[in-house]
């Protein structure tokens, strides 16, 4: 009986969740959030800590102004975490994917 349960869990983790788009970037709600994506991409693509610091400040200001949705905050926080860990390329790739998800 344990094998079918394990198989179901493995299926959901490997096949099922990606099919429903669990990691699909959210649609941004403001022009400021769209600009923020570009700021994050540029900071991460150039691996520029100073540019990242400024971008994080802008991010915080937008949160305080209520211009970033909760789902956007989660995605931006992922970018911050990756960049802070020195995983610049992965952060840039995710920022790029985030920007491409905005193309309609």
Protein backbone atom coordinates (compact mmCIF):
# COMPACT_ATOMS: atom_id res chain seq x y z
CA UNK A 1 0.00 0.00 0.00
CA UNK A 2 2.86 2.41 0.60
CA UNK A 3 4.11 2.24 -2.99
CA UNK A 4 0.97 3.80 -4.53
CA UNK A 5 1.04 6.65 -1.98
CA UNK A 6 4.69 7.34 -2.73
CA UNK A 7 4.02 7.17 -6.47
CA UNK A 8 1.18 9.66 -6.15
CA UNK A 9 3.32 12.08 -4.16
CA UNK A 10 6.17 11.72 -6.63
CA UNK A 11 3.81 12.35 -9.54
CA UNK A 12 2.38 15.48 -7.94
CA UNK A 13 5.79 16.88 -7.13
CA UNK A 14 7.41 16.10 -10.47
CA UNK A 15 4.57 16.30 -12.96
CA UNK A 16 1.32 17.53 -11.45
CA UNK A 17 2.33 20.83 -9.87
CA UNK A 18 4.30 22.17 -12.84
CA UNK A 19 1.31 21.47 -15.08
CA UNK A 20 -0.99 23.70 -13.03
CA UNK A 21 1.56 26.49 -13.03
CA UNK A 22 2.43 26.71 -9.36
CA UNK A 23 5.54 28.71 -10.15
CA UNK A 24 4.05 30.95 -12.82
CA UNK A 25 5.05 34.58 -12.17
CA UNK A 26 2.15 36.83 -11.19
CA UNK A 27 0.82 39.58 -13.39
CA UNK A 28 1.95 42.96 -12.05
CA UNK A 29 -0.69 45.48 -11.06
CA UNK A 30 1.12 48.80 -11.54
CA UNK A 31 3.54 50.48 -13.90
CA UNK A 32 5.87 50.88 -10.91
CA UNK A 33 6.00 47.12 -10.45
CA UNK A 34 6.79 46.68 -14.14
CA UNK A 35 9.68 49.13 -13.76
CA UNK A 36 10.80 47.29 -10.64
CA UNK A 37 11.13 44.05 -12.60
CA UNK A 38 13.49 45.81 -14.99
CA UNK A 39 15.48 47.27 -12.09
CA UNK A 40 15.89 43.81 -10.55
CA UNK A 41 16.87 42.29 -13.86
CA UNK A 42 19.48 44.98 -14.52
CA UNK A 43 20.95 44.75 -11.01
CA UNK A 44 21.17 40.97 -11.16
CA UNK A 45 22.31 40.70 -14.76
CA UNK A 46 25.17 43.13 -14.10
CA UNK A 47 25.82 41.60 -10.66
CA UNK A 48 25.88 45.09 -9.20
CA UNK A 49 25.40 45.16 -5.39
CA UNK A 50 24.93 48.94 -5.32
CA UNK A 51 22.22 48.81 -7.97
CA UNK A 52 20.58 45.94 -6.07
CA UNK A 53 20.61 47.99 -2.86
CA UNK A 54 18.88 50.92 -4.60
CA UNK A 55 16.37 48.53 -6.16
CA UNK A 56 15.58 47.00 -2.77
CA UNK A 57 14.99 50.51 -1.40
CA UNK A 58 12.60 51.30 -4.25
CA UNK A 59 10.88 47.96 -3.61
CA UNK A 60 10.36 48.85 0.06
CA UNK A 61 9.00 52.29 -0.85
CA UNK A 62 6.51 50.73 -3.27
CA UNK A 63 5.37 48.26 -0.60
CA UNK A 64 4.82 51.11 1.84
CA UNK A 65 2.87 53.02 -0.82
CA UNK A 66 0.66 49.98 -1.43
CA UNK A 67 1.74 49.64 -5.05
CA UNK A 68 2.95 46.03 -4.90
CA UNK A 69 0.50 43.14 -4.47
CA UNK A 70 1.17 40.26 -2.10
CA UNK A 71 1.92 37.87 -4.98
CA UNK A 72 4.31 40.40 -6.52
CA UNK A 73 6.04 40.83 -3.16
CA UNK A 74 6.60 37.09 -2.95
CA UNK A 75 8.21 37.02 -6.40
CA UNK A 76 10.36 40.10 -5.73
CA UNK A 77 11.44 38.64 -2.38
CA UNK A 78 12.59 35.50 -4.21
CA UNK A 79 14.74 37.68 -6.47
CA UNK A 80 16.21 39.51 -3.46
CA UNK A 81 16.99 36.23 -1.71
CA UNK A 82 18.74 34.76 -4.75
CA UNK A 83 20.79 37.91 -5.35
CA UNK A 84 21.69 38.23 -1.66
CA UNK A 85 22.98 34.64 -1.81
CA UNK A 86 25.18 35.55 -4.76
CA UNK A 87 23.04 33.54 -7.15
CA UNK A 88 23.01 36.42 -9.62
CA UNK A 89 22.43 34.41 -12.78
CA UNK A 90 19.47 32.55 -11.34
CA UNK A 91 18.03 35.82 -10.02
CA UNK A 92 18.46 37.46 -13.44
CA UNK A 93 16.82 34.46 -15.14
CA UNK A 94 13.83 34.65 -12.79
CA UNK A 95 13.53 38.41 -13.25
CA UNK A 96 13.59 37.89 -17.02
CA UNK A 97 10.89 35.21 -16.77
CA UNK A 98 8.87 37.57 -14.57
CA UNK A 99 9.11 40.28 -17.23
CA UNK A 100 8.18 37.87 -20.01
CA UNK A 101 5.08 36.79 -18.07
CA UNK A 102 3.87 40.40 -18.40
CA UNK A 103 3.80 40.25 -22.19
CA UNK A 104 0.20 39.88 -23.29
